mmCIF file of all heavy atoms, coordinates in Angstrom:
data_MODEL
# 
_entry.id   MODEL 
# 
loop_
_atom_site.group_PDB 
_atom_site.id 
_atom_site.type_symbol 
_atom_site.label_atom_id 
_atom_site.label_alt_id 
_atom_site.label_comp_id 
_atom_site.label_asym_id 
_atom_site.label_entity_id 
_atom_site.label_seq_id 
_atom_site.pdbx_PDB_ins_code 
_atom_site.Cartn_x 
_atom_site.Cartn_y 
_atom_site.Cartn_z 
_atom_site.occupancy 
_atom_site.B_iso_or_equiv 
_atom_site.pdbx_formal_charge 
_atom_site.auth_seq_id 
_atom_site.auth_comp_id 
_atom_site.auth_asym_id 
_atom_site.auth_atom_id 
_atom_site.pdbx_PDB_model_num 
ATOM 1   N N   . GLY A 1 1  ? 5.692  3.814   11.529  1.00 0.00 ? 1  GLY A N   1 
ATOM 2   C CA  . GLY A 1 1  ? 6.137  5.190   11.407  1.00 0.00 ? 1  GLY A CA  1 
ATOM 3   C C   . GLY A 1 1  ? 5.276  6.081   12.264  1.00 0.00 ? 1  GLY A C   1 
ATOM 4   O O   . GLY A 1 1  ? 4.126  5.742   12.582  1.00 0.00 ? 1  GLY A O   1 
ATOM 5   N N   . GLU A 1 2  ? 5.818  7.224   12.636  1.00 0.00 ? 2  GLU A N   1 
ATOM 6   C CA  . GLU A 1 2  ? 5.061  8.167   13.455  1.00 0.00 ? 2  GLU A CA  1 
ATOM 7   C C   . GLU A 1 2  ? 3.869  8.703   12.668  1.00 0.00 ? 2  GLU A C   1 
ATOM 8   O O   . GLU A 1 2  ? 3.786  8.564   11.454  1.00 0.00 ? 2  GLU A O   1 
ATOM 9   C CB  . GLU A 1 2  ? 5.963  9.335   13.887  1.00 0.00 ? 2  GLU A CB  1 
ATOM 10  C CG  . GLU A 1 2  ? 6.888  9.018   15.056  1.00 0.00 ? 2  GLU A CG  1 
ATOM 11  C CD  . GLU A 1 2  ? 6.131  8.802   16.363  1.00 0.00 ? 2  GLU A CD  1 
ATOM 12  O OE1 . GLU A 1 2  ? 4.921  9.121   16.435  1.00 0.00 ? 2  GLU A OE1 1 
ATOM 13  O OE2 . GLU A 1 2  ? 6.742  8.309   17.331  1.00 0.00 ? 2  GLU A OE2 1 
ATOM 14  N N   . VAL A 1 3  ? 2.964  9.322   13.384  1.00 0.00 ? 3  VAL A N   1 
ATOM 15  C CA  . VAL A 1 3  ? 1.787  9.932   12.767  1.00 0.00 ? 3  VAL A CA  1 
ATOM 16  C C   . VAL A 1 3  ? 2.226  10.922  11.693  1.00 0.00 ? 3  VAL A C   1 
ATOM 17  O O   . VAL A 1 3  ? 3.116  11.758  11.918  1.00 0.00 ? 3  VAL A O   1 
ATOM 18  C CB  . VAL A 1 3  ? 0.944  10.649  13.824  1.00 0.00 ? 3  VAL A CB  1 
ATOM 19  C CG1 . VAL A 1 3  ? -0.214 11.407  13.184  1.00 0.00 ? 3  VAL A CG1 1 
ATOM 20  C CG2 . VAL A 1 3  ? 0.409  9.668   14.852  1.00 0.00 ? 3  VAL A CG2 1 
ATOM 21  N N   . GLY A 1 4  ? 1.633  10.809  10.506  1.00 0.00 ? 4  GLY A N   1 
ATOM 22  C CA  . GLY A 1 4  ? 1.909  11.784  9.436   1.00 0.00 ? 4  GLY A CA  1 
ATOM 23  C C   . GLY A 1 4  ? 3.121  11.516  8.586   1.00 0.00 ? 4  GLY A C   1 
ATOM 24  O O   . GLY A 1 4  ? 3.516  12.371  7.777   1.00 0.00 ? 4  GLY A O   1 
ATOM 25  N N   . THR A 1 5  ? 3.739  10.341  8.717   1.00 0.00 ? 5  THR A N   1 
ATOM 26  C CA  . THR A 1 5  ? 4.962  10.065  7.948   1.00 0.00 ? 5  THR A CA  1 
ATOM 27  C C   . THR A 1 5  ? 4.674  9.408   6.602   1.00 0.00 ? 5  THR A C   1 
ATOM 28  O O   . THR A 1 5  ? 5.609  9.104   5.849   1.00 0.00 ? 5  THR A O   1 
ATOM 29  C CB  . THR A 1 5  ? 5.939  9.178   8.747   1.00 0.00 ? 5  THR A CB  1 
ATOM 30  O OG1 . THR A 1 5  ? 5.244  8.048   9.265   1.00 0.00 ? 5  THR A OG1 1 
ATOM 31  C CG2 . THR A 1 5  ? 6.568  9.968   9.880   1.00 0.00 ? 5  THR A CG2 1 
ATOM 32  N N   . GLY A 1 6  ? 3.410  9.155   6.281   1.00 0.00 ? 6  GLY A N   1 
ATOM 33  C CA  . GLY A 1 6  ? 3.070  8.658   4.947   1.00 0.00 ? 6  GLY A CA  1 
ATOM 34  C C   . GLY A 1 6  ? 2.770  7.178   4.851   1.00 0.00 ? 6  GLY A C   1 
ATOM 35  O O   . GLY A 1 6  ? 2.877  6.602   3.770   1.00 0.00 ? 6  GLY A O   1 
ATOM 36  N N   . LYS A 1 7  ? 2.343  6.568   5.958   1.00 0.00 ? 7  LYS A N   1 
ATOM 37  C CA  . LYS A 1 7  ? 2.071  5.126   5.920   1.00 0.00 ? 7  LYS A CA  1 
ATOM 38  C C   . LYS A 1 7  ? 0.884  4.784   4.999   1.00 0.00 ? 7  LYS A C   1 
ATOM 39  O O   . LYS A 1 7  ? 0.958  3.823   4.239   1.00 0.00 ? 7  LYS A O   1 
ATOM 40  C CB  . LYS A 1 7  ? 1.786  4.620   7.345   1.00 0.00 ? 7  LYS A CB  1 
ATOM 41  C CG  . LYS A 1 7  ? 2.955  4.762   8.305   1.00 0.00 ? 7  LYS A CG  1 
ATOM 42  C CD  . LYS A 1 7  ? 2.648  4.239   9.677   1.00 0.00 ? 7  LYS A CD  1 
ATOM 43  C CE  . LYS A 1 7  ? 1.537  4.997   10.354  1.00 0.00 ? 7  LYS A CE  1 
ATOM 44  N NZ  . LYS A 1 7  ? 1.866  6.407   10.606  1.00 0.00 ? 7  LYS A NZ  1 
ATOM 45  N N   . THR A 1 8  ? -0.198 5.546   5.099   1.00 0.00 ? 8  THR A N   1 
ATOM 46  C CA  . THR A 1 8  ? -1.365 5.249   4.276   1.00 0.00 ? 8  THR A CA  1 
ATOM 47  C C   . THR A 1 8  ? -1.069 5.484   2.795   1.00 0.00 ? 8  THR A C   1 
ATOM 48  O O   . THR A 1 8  ? -1.534 4.718   1.933   1.00 0.00 ? 8  THR A O   1 
ATOM 49  C CB  . THR A 1 8  ? -2.569 6.116   4.712   1.00 0.00 ? 8  THR A CB  1 
ATOM 50  O OG1 . THR A 1 8  ? -2.871 5.809   6.083   1.00 0.00 ? 8  THR A OG1 1 
ATOM 51  C CG2 . THR A 1 8  ? -3.789 5.830   3.859   1.00 0.00 ? 8  THR A CG2 1 
ATOM 52  N N   . LEU A 1 9  ? -0.276 6.496   2.488   1.00 0.00 ? 9  LEU A N   1 
ATOM 53  C CA  . LEU A 1 9  ? 0.133  6.724   1.095   1.00 0.00 ? 9  LEU A CA  1 
ATOM 54  C C   . LEU A 1 9  ? 0.910  5.532   0.565   1.00 0.00 ? 9  LEU A C   1 
ATOM 55  O O   . LEU A 1 9  ? 0.665  5.049   -0.559  1.00 0.00 ? 9  LEU A O   1 
ATOM 56  C CB  . LEU A 1 9  ? 0.983  7.994   1.012   1.00 0.00 ? 9  LEU A CB  1 
ATOM 57  C CG  . LEU A 1 9  ? 1.521  8.350   -0.379  1.00 0.00 ? 9  LEU A CG  1 
ATOM 58  C CD1 . LEU A 1 9  ? 0.383  8.675   -1.334  1.00 0.00 ? 9  LEU A CD1 1 
ATOM 59  C CD2 . LEU A 1 9  ? 2.498  9.518   -0.290  1.00 0.00 ? 9  LEU A CD2 1 
ATOM 60  N N   . LEU A 1 10 ? 1.840  5.018   1.372   1.00 0.00 ? 10 LEU A N   1 
ATOM 61  C CA  . LEU A 1 10 ? 2.627  3.839   0.966   1.00 0.00 ? 10 LEU A CA  1 
ATOM 62  C C   . LEU A 1 10 ? 1.707  2.630   0.811   1.00 0.00 ? 10 LEU A C   1 
ATOM 63  O O   . LEU A 1 10 ? 1.871  1.802   -0.101  1.00 0.00 ? 10 LEU A O   1 
ATOM 64  C CB  . LEU A 1 10 ? 3.701  3.533   2.020   1.00 0.00 ? 10 LEU A CB  1 
ATOM 65  C CG  . LEU A 1 10 ? 5.022  4.282   1.891   1.00 0.00 ? 10 LEU A CG  1 
ATOM 66  C CD1 . LEU A 1 10 ? 5.949  3.861   3.008   1.00 0.00 ? 10 LEU A CD1 1 
ATOM 67  C CD2 . LEU A 1 10 ? 5.663  4.016   0.536   1.00 0.00 ? 10 LEU A CD2 1 
ATOM 68  N N   . CYS A 1 11 ? 0.751  2.516   1.712   1.00 0.00 ? 11 CYS A N   1 
ATOM 69  C CA  . CYS A 1 11 ? -0.179 1.402   1.656   1.00 0.00 ? 11 CYS A CA  1 
ATOM 70  C C   . CYS A 1 11 ? -0.940 1.403   0.329   1.00 0.00 ? 11 CYS A C   1 
ATOM 71  O O   . CYS A 1 11 ? -1.075 0.372   -0.339  1.00 0.00 ? 11 CYS A O   1 
ATOM 72  C CB  . CYS A 1 11 ? -1.151 1.550   2.841   1.00 0.00 ? 11 CYS A CB  1 
ATOM 73  S SG  . CYS A 1 11 ? -2.279 0.168   3.037   1.00 0.00 ? 11 CYS A SG  1 
ATOM 74  N N   . ARG A 1 12 ? -1.428 2.569   -0.061  1.00 0.00 ? 12 ARG A N   1 
ATOM 75  C CA  . ARG A 1 12 ? -2.181 2.672   -1.318  1.00 0.00 ? 12 ARG A CA  1 
ATOM 76  C C   . ARG A 1 12 ? -1.273 2.482   -2.539  1.00 0.00 ? 12 ARG A C   1 
ATOM 77  O O   . ARG A 1 12 ? -1.692 1.913   -3.542  1.00 0.00 ? 12 ARG A O   1 
ATOM 78  C CB  . ARG A 1 12 ? -2.891 4.010   -1.372  1.00 0.00 ? 12 ARG A CB  1 
ATOM 79  C CG  . ARG A 1 12 ? -3.967 4.132   -0.317  1.00 0.00 ? 12 ARG A CG  1 
ATOM 80  C CD  . ARG A 1 12 ? -4.823 5.385   -0.500  1.00 0.00 ? 12 ARG A CD  1 
ATOM 81  N NE  . ARG A 1 12 ? -5.861 5.454   0.525   1.00 0.00 ? 12 ARG A NE  1 
ATOM 82  C CZ  . ARG A 1 12 ? -6.751 6.420   0.604   1.00 0.00 ? 12 ARG A CZ  1 
ATOM 83  N NH1 . ARG A 1 12 ? -6.743 7.410   -0.292  1.00 0.00 ? 12 ARG A NH1 1 
ATOM 84  N NH2 . ARG A 1 12 ? -7.663 6.414   1.540   1.00 0.00 ? 12 ARG A NH2 1 
ATOM 85  N N   . LYS A 1 13 ? -0.045 2.959   -2.428  1.00 0.00 ? 13 LYS A N   1 
ATOM 86  C CA  . LYS A 1 13 ? 0.879  2.769   -3.537  1.00 0.00 ? 13 LYS A CA  1 
ATOM 87  C C   . LYS A 1 13 ? 1.185  1.292   -3.713  1.00 0.00 ? 13 LYS A C   1 
ATOM 88  O O   . LYS A 1 13 ? 1.245  0.792   -4.853  1.00 0.00 ? 13 LYS A O   1 
ATOM 89  C CB  . LYS A 1 13 ? 2.172  3.545   -3.302  1.00 0.00 ? 13 LYS A CB  1 
ATOM 90  C CG  . LYS A 1 13 ? 3.139  3.470   -4.469  1.00 0.00 ? 13 LYS A CG  1 
ATOM 91  C CD  . LYS A 1 13 ? 4.283  4.423   -4.322  1.00 0.00 ? 13 LYS A CD  1 
ATOM 92  C CE  . LYS A 1 13 ? 5.265  4.300   -5.494  1.00 0.00 ? 13 LYS A CE  1 
ATOM 93  N NZ  . LYS A 1 13 ? 4.648  4.576   -6.808  1.00 0.00 ? 13 LYS A NZ  1 
ATOM 94  N N   . LEU A 1 14 ? 1.367  0.570   -2.610  1.00 0.00 ? 14 LEU A N   1 
ATOM 95  C CA  . LEU A 1 14 ? 1.596  -0.858  -2.679  1.00 0.00 ? 14 LEU A CA  1 
ATOM 96  C C   . LEU A 1 14 ? 0.416  -1.558  -3.327  1.00 0.00 ? 14 LEU A C   1 
ATOM 97  O O   . LEU A 1 14 ? 0.590  -2.433  -4.192  1.00 0.00 ? 14 LEU A O   1 
ATOM 98  C CB  . LEU A 1 14 ? 1.844  -1.417  -1.272  1.00 0.00 ? 14 LEU A CB  1 
ATOM 99  C CG  . LEU A 1 14 ? 2.047  -2.935  -1.183  1.00 0.00 ? 14 LEU A CG  1 
ATOM 100 C CD1 . LEU A 1 14 ? 3.288  -3.359  -1.920  1.00 0.00 ? 14 LEU A CD1 1 
ATOM 101 C CD2 . LEU A 1 14 ? 2.105  -3.373  0.294   1.00 0.00 ? 14 LEU A CD2 1 
ATOM 102 N N   . LEU A 1 15 ? -0.790 -1.187  -2.935  1.00 0.00 ? 15 LEU A N   1 
ATOM 103 C CA  . LEU A 1 15 ? -1.979 -1.806  -3.520  1.00 0.00 ? 15 LEU A CA  1 
ATOM 104 C C   . LEU A 1 15 ? -2.052 -1.558  -5.032  1.00 0.00 ? 15 LEU A C   1 
ATOM 105 O O   . LEU A 1 15 ? -2.415 -2.442  -5.799  1.00 0.00 ? 15 LEU A O   1 
ATOM 106 C CB  . LEU A 1 15 ? -3.232 -1.235  -2.856  1.00 0.00 ? 15 LEU A CB  1 
ATOM 107 C CG  . LEU A 1 15 ? -3.594 -1.795  -1.473  1.00 0.00 ? 15 LEU A CG  1 
ATOM 108 C CD1 . LEU A 1 15 ? -4.643 -0.905  -0.793  1.00 0.00 ? 15 LEU A CD1 1 
ATOM 109 C CD2 . LEU A 1 15 ? -4.116 -3.218  -1.601  1.00 0.00 ? 15 LEU A CD2 1 
ATOM 110 N N   . ASN A 1 16 ? -1.676 -0.340  -5.451  1.00 0.00 ? 16 ASN A N   1 
ATOM 111 C CA  . ASN A 1 16 ? -1.722 0.015   -6.879  1.00 0.00 ? 16 ASN A CA  1 
ATOM 112 C C   . ASN A 1 16 ? -0.672 -0.700  -7.702  1.00 0.00 ? 16 ASN A C   1 
ATOM 113 O O   . ASN A 1 16 ? -0.861 -0.903  -8.902  1.00 0.00 ? 16 ASN A O   1 
ATOM 114 C CB  . ASN A 1 16 ? -1.566 1.522   -7.047  1.00 0.00 ? 16 ASN A CB  1 
ATOM 115 C CG  . ASN A 1 16 ? -2.743 2.309   -6.523  1.00 0.00 ? 16 ASN A CG  1 
ATOM 116 O OD1 . ASN A 1 16 ? -3.827 1.762   -6.316  1.00 0.00 ? 16 ASN A OD1 1 
ATOM 117 N ND2 . ASN A 1 16 ? -2.561 3.606   -6.301  1.00 0.00 ? 16 ASN A ND2 1 
ATOM 118 N N   . GLU A 1 17 ? 0.440  -1.090  -7.065  1.00 0.00 ? 17 GLU A N   1 
ATOM 119 C CA  . GLU A 1 17 ? 1.571  -1.624  -7.823  1.00 0.00 ? 17 GLU A CA  1 
ATOM 120 C C   . GLU A 1 17 ? 1.840  -3.094  -7.567  1.00 0.00 ? 17 GLU A C   1 
ATOM 121 O O   . GLU A 1 17 ? 2.883  -3.597  -7.971  1.00 0.00 ? 17 GLU A O   1 
ATOM 122 C CB  . GLU A 1 17 ? 2.824  -0.786  -7.504  1.00 0.00 ? 17 GLU A CB  1 
ATOM 123 C CG  . GLU A 1 17 ? 2.694  0.674   -7.906  1.00 0.00 ? 17 GLU A CG  1 
ATOM 124 C CD  . GLU A 1 17 ? 3.963  1.478   -7.680  1.00 0.00 ? 17 GLU A CD  1 
ATOM 125 O OE1 . GLU A 1 17 ? 4.934  0.895   -7.166  1.00 0.00 ? 17 GLU A OE1 1 
ATOM 126 O OE2 . GLU A 1 17 ? 3.957  2.672   -8.013  1.00 0.00 ? 17 GLU A OE2 1 
ATOM 127 N N   . LEU A 1 18 ? 0.913  -3.800  -6.907  1.00 0.00 ? 18 LEU A N   1 
ATOM 128 C CA  . LEU A 1 18 ? 1.113  -5.221  -6.720  1.00 0.00 ? 18 LEU A CA  1 
ATOM 129 C C   . LEU A 1 18 ? 1.162  -5.927  -8.054  1.00 0.00 ? 18 LEU A C   1 
ATOM 130 O O   . LEU A 1 18 ? 0.382  -5.629  -8.958  1.00 0.00 ? 18 LEU A O   1 
ATOM 131 C CB  . LEU A 1 18 ? -0.048 -5.797  -5.885  1.00 0.00 ? 18 LEU A CB  1 
ATOM 132 C CG  . LEU A 1 18 ? -0.003 -5.599  -4.369  1.00 0.00 ? 18 LEU A CG  1 
ATOM 133 C CD1 . LEU A 1 18 ? -1.309 -6.078  -3.749  1.00 0.00 ? 18 LEU A CD1 1 
ATOM 134 C CD2 . LEU A 1 18 ? 1.189  -6.318  -3.752  1.00 0.00 ? 18 LEU A CD2 1 
ATOM 135 N N   . PRO A 1 19 ? 2.071  -6.881  -8.217  1.00 0.00 ? 19 PRO A N   1 
ATOM 136 C CA  . PRO A 1 19 ? 2.101  -7.665  -9.468  1.00 0.00 ? 19 PRO A CA  1 
ATOM 137 C C   . PRO A 1 19 ? 0.759  -8.343  -9.729  1.00 0.00 ? 19 PRO A C   1 
ATOM 138 O O   . PRO A 1 19 ? -0.018 -8.592  -8.805  1.00 0.00 ? 19 PRO A O   1 
ATOM 139 C CB  . PRO A 1 19 ? 3.220  -8.691  -9.209  1.00 0.00 ? 19 PRO A CB  1 
ATOM 140 C CG  . PRO A 1 19 ? 4.080  -8.039  -8.183  1.00 0.00 ? 19 PRO A CG  1 
ATOM 141 C CD  . PRO A 1 19 ? 3.168  -7.233  -7.303  1.00 0.00 ? 19 PRO A CD  1 
ATOM 142 N N   . ASP A 1 20 ? 0.509  -8.676  -10.995 1.00 0.00 ? 20 ASP A N   1 
ATOM 143 C CA  . ASP A 1 20 ? -0.787 -9.206  -11.385 1.00 0.00 ? 20 ASP A CA  1 
ATOM 144 C C   . ASP A 1 20 ? -1.153 -10.505 -10.684 1.00 0.00 ? 20 ASP A C   1 
ATOM 145 O O   . ASP A 1 20 ? -2.338 -10.834 -10.545 1.00 0.00 ? 20 ASP A O   1 
ATOM 146 C CB  . ASP A 1 20 ? -0.826 -9.406  -12.909 1.00 0.00 ? 20 ASP A CB  1 
ATOM 147 C CG  . ASP A 1 20 ? -0.799 -8.090  -13.664 1.00 0.00 ? 20 ASP A CG  1 
ATOM 148 O OD1 . ASP A 1 20 ? -1.153 -7.049  -13.052 1.00 0.00 ? 20 ASP A OD1 1 
ATOM 149 O OD2 . ASP A 1 20 ? -0.401 -8.088  -14.849 1.00 0.00 ? 20 ASP A OD2 1 
ATOM 150 N N   . HIS A 1 21 ? -0.155 -11.290 -10.277 1.00 0.00 ? 21 HIS A N   1 
ATOM 151 C CA  . HIS A 1 21 ? -0.469 -12.600 -9.697  1.00 0.00 ? 21 HIS A CA  1 
ATOM 152 C C   . HIS A 1 21 ? -0.880 -12.505 -8.224  1.00 0.00 ? 21 HIS A C   1 
ATOM 153 O O   . HIS A 1 21 ? -1.187 -13.527 -7.604  1.00 0.00 ? 21 HIS A O   1 
ATOM 154 C CB  . HIS A 1 21 ? 0.714  -13.558 -9.848  1.00 0.00 ? 21 HIS A CB  1 
ATOM 155 C CG  . HIS A 1 21 ? 1.883  -13.230 -8.978  1.00 0.00 ? 21 HIS A CG  1 
ATOM 156 N ND1 . HIS A 1 21 ? 2.819  -12.266 -9.309  1.00 0.00 ? 21 HIS A ND1 1 
ATOM 157 C CD2 . HIS A 1 21 ? 2.281  -13.738 -7.770  1.00 0.00 ? 21 HIS A CD2 1 
ATOM 158 C CE1 . HIS A 1 21 ? 3.728  -12.204 -8.360  1.00 0.00 ? 21 HIS A CE1 1 
ATOM 159 N NE2 . HIS A 1 21 ? 3.443  -13.077 -7.408  1.00 0.00 ? 21 HIS A NE2 1 
ATOM 160 N N   . PHE A 1 22 ? -0.925 -11.279 -7.686  1.00 0.00 ? 22 PHE A N   1 
ATOM 161 C CA  . PHE A 1 22 ? -1.357 -11.101 -6.296  1.00 0.00 ? 22 PHE A CA  1 
ATOM 162 C C   . PHE A 1 22 ? -2.840 -10.749 -6.241  1.00 0.00 ? 22 PHE A C   1 
ATOM 163 O O   . PHE A 1 22 ? -3.315 -9.917  -7.022  1.00 0.00 ? 22 PHE A O   1 
ATOM 164 C CB  . PHE A 1 22 ? -0.569 -9.999  -5.602  1.00 0.00 ? 22 PHE A CB  1 
ATOM 165 C CG  . PHE A 1 22 ? 0.735  -10.468 -5.003  1.00 0.00 ? 22 PHE A CG  1 
ATOM 166 C CD1 . PHE A 1 22 ? 1.928  -10.218 -5.648  1.00 0.00 ? 22 PHE A CD1 1 
ATOM 167 C CD2 . PHE A 1 22 ? 0.742  -11.162 -3.816  1.00 0.00 ? 22 PHE A CD2 1 
ATOM 168 C CE1 . PHE A 1 22 ? 3.131  -10.648 -5.094  1.00 0.00 ? 22 PHE A CE1 1 
ATOM 169 C CE2 . PHE A 1 22 ? 1.919  -11.593 -3.244  1.00 0.00 ? 22 PHE A CE2 1 
ATOM 170 C CZ  . PHE A 1 22 ? 3.130  -11.336 -3.906  1.00 0.00 ? 22 PHE A CZ  1 
ATOM 171 N N   . VAL A 1 23 ? -3.565 -11.372 -5.338  1.00 0.00 ? 23 VAL A N   1 
ATOM 172 C CA  . VAL A 1 23 ? -4.926 -11.000 -4.997  1.00 0.00 ? 23 VAL A CA  1 
ATOM 173 C C   . VAL A 1 23 ? -4.843 -10.269 -3.663  1.00 0.00 ? 23 VAL A C   1 
ATOM 174 O O   . VAL A 1 23 ? -4.289 -10.792 -2.695  1.00 0.00 ? 23 VAL A O   1 
ATOM 175 C CB  . VAL A 1 23 ? -5.849 -12.235 -4.866  1.00 0.00 ? 23 VAL A CB  1 
ATOM 176 C CG1 . VAL A 1 23 ? -7.234 -11.813 -4.369  1.00 0.00 ? 23 VAL A CG1 1 
ATOM 177 C CG2 . VAL A 1 23 ? -5.944 -12.941 -6.204  1.00 0.00 ? 23 VAL A CG2 1 
ATOM 178 N N   . SER A 1 24 ? -5.356 -9.038  -3.608  1.00 0.00 ? 24 SER A N   1 
ATOM 179 C CA  . SER A 1 24 ? -5.216 -8.231  -2.402  1.00 0.00 ? 24 SER A CA  1 
ATOM 180 C C   . SER A 1 24 ? -6.515 -8.168  -1.607  1.00 0.00 ? 24 SER A C   1 
ATOM 181 O O   . SER A 1 24 ? -7.607 -8.162  -2.164  1.00 0.00 ? 24 SER A O   1 
ATOM 182 C CB  . SER A 1 24 ? -4.752 -6.822  -2.737  1.00 0.00 ? 24 SER A CB  1 
ATOM 183 O OG  . SER A 1 24 ? -5.740 -6.154  -3.500  1.00 0.00 ? 24 SER A OG  1 
ATOM 184 N N   . ALA A 1 25 ? -6.355 -8.130  -0.293  1.00 0.00 ? 25 ALA A N   1 
ATOM 185 C CA  . ALA A 1 25 ? -7.457 -7.868  0.639   1.00 0.00 ? 25 ALA A CA  1 
ATOM 186 C C   . ALA A 1 25 ? -7.016 -6.693  1.499   1.00 0.00 ? 25 ALA A C   1 
ATOM 187 O O   . ALA A 1 25 ? -5.924 -6.747  2.091   1.00 0.00 ? 25 ALA A O   1 
ATOM 188 C CB  . ALA A 1 25 ? -7.766 -9.087  1.485   1.00 0.00 ? 25 ALA A CB  1 
ATOM 189 N N   . TYR A 1 26 ? -7.791 -5.648  1.556   1.00 0.00 ? 26 TYR A N   1 
ATOM 190 C CA  . TYR A 1 26 ? -7.379 -4.409  2.209   1.00 0.00 ? 26 TYR A CA  1 
ATOM 191 C C   . TYR A 1 26 ? -8.340 -4.070  3.357   1.00 0.00 ? 26 TYR A C   1 
ATOM 192 O O   . TYR A 1 26 ? -9.549 -3.964  3.147   1.00 0.00 ? 26 TYR A O   1 
ATOM 193 C CB  . TYR A 1 26 ? -7.352 -3.279  1.187   1.00 0.00 ? 26 TYR A CB  1 
ATOM 194 C CG  . TYR A 1 26 ? -7.056 -1.897  1.743   1.00 0.00 ? 26 TYR A CG  1 
ATOM 195 C CD1 . TYR A 1 26 ? -5.961 -1.688  2.578   1.00 0.00 ? 26 TYR A CD1 1 
ATOM 196 C CD2 . TYR A 1 26 ? -7.845 -0.802  1.421   1.00 0.00 ? 26 TYR A CD2 1 
ATOM 197 C CE1 . TYR A 1 26 ? -5.661 -0.433  3.071   1.00 0.00 ? 26 TYR A CE1 1 
ATOM 198 C CE2 . TYR A 1 26 ? -7.549 0.462   1.895   1.00 0.00 ? 26 TYR A CE2 1 
ATOM 199 C CZ  . TYR A 1 26 ? -6.463 0.648   2.734   1.00 0.00 ? 26 TYR A CZ  1 
ATOM 200 O OH  . TYR A 1 26 ? -6.183 1.898   3.226   1.00 0.00 ? 26 TYR A OH  1 
# 
């Protein structure tokens, strides 16, 4: 997405809402 379209917000939302069986590396 272009600059300022909310990619980092989506990134953090994904991290917050990953199912329990996922181990995340950010």
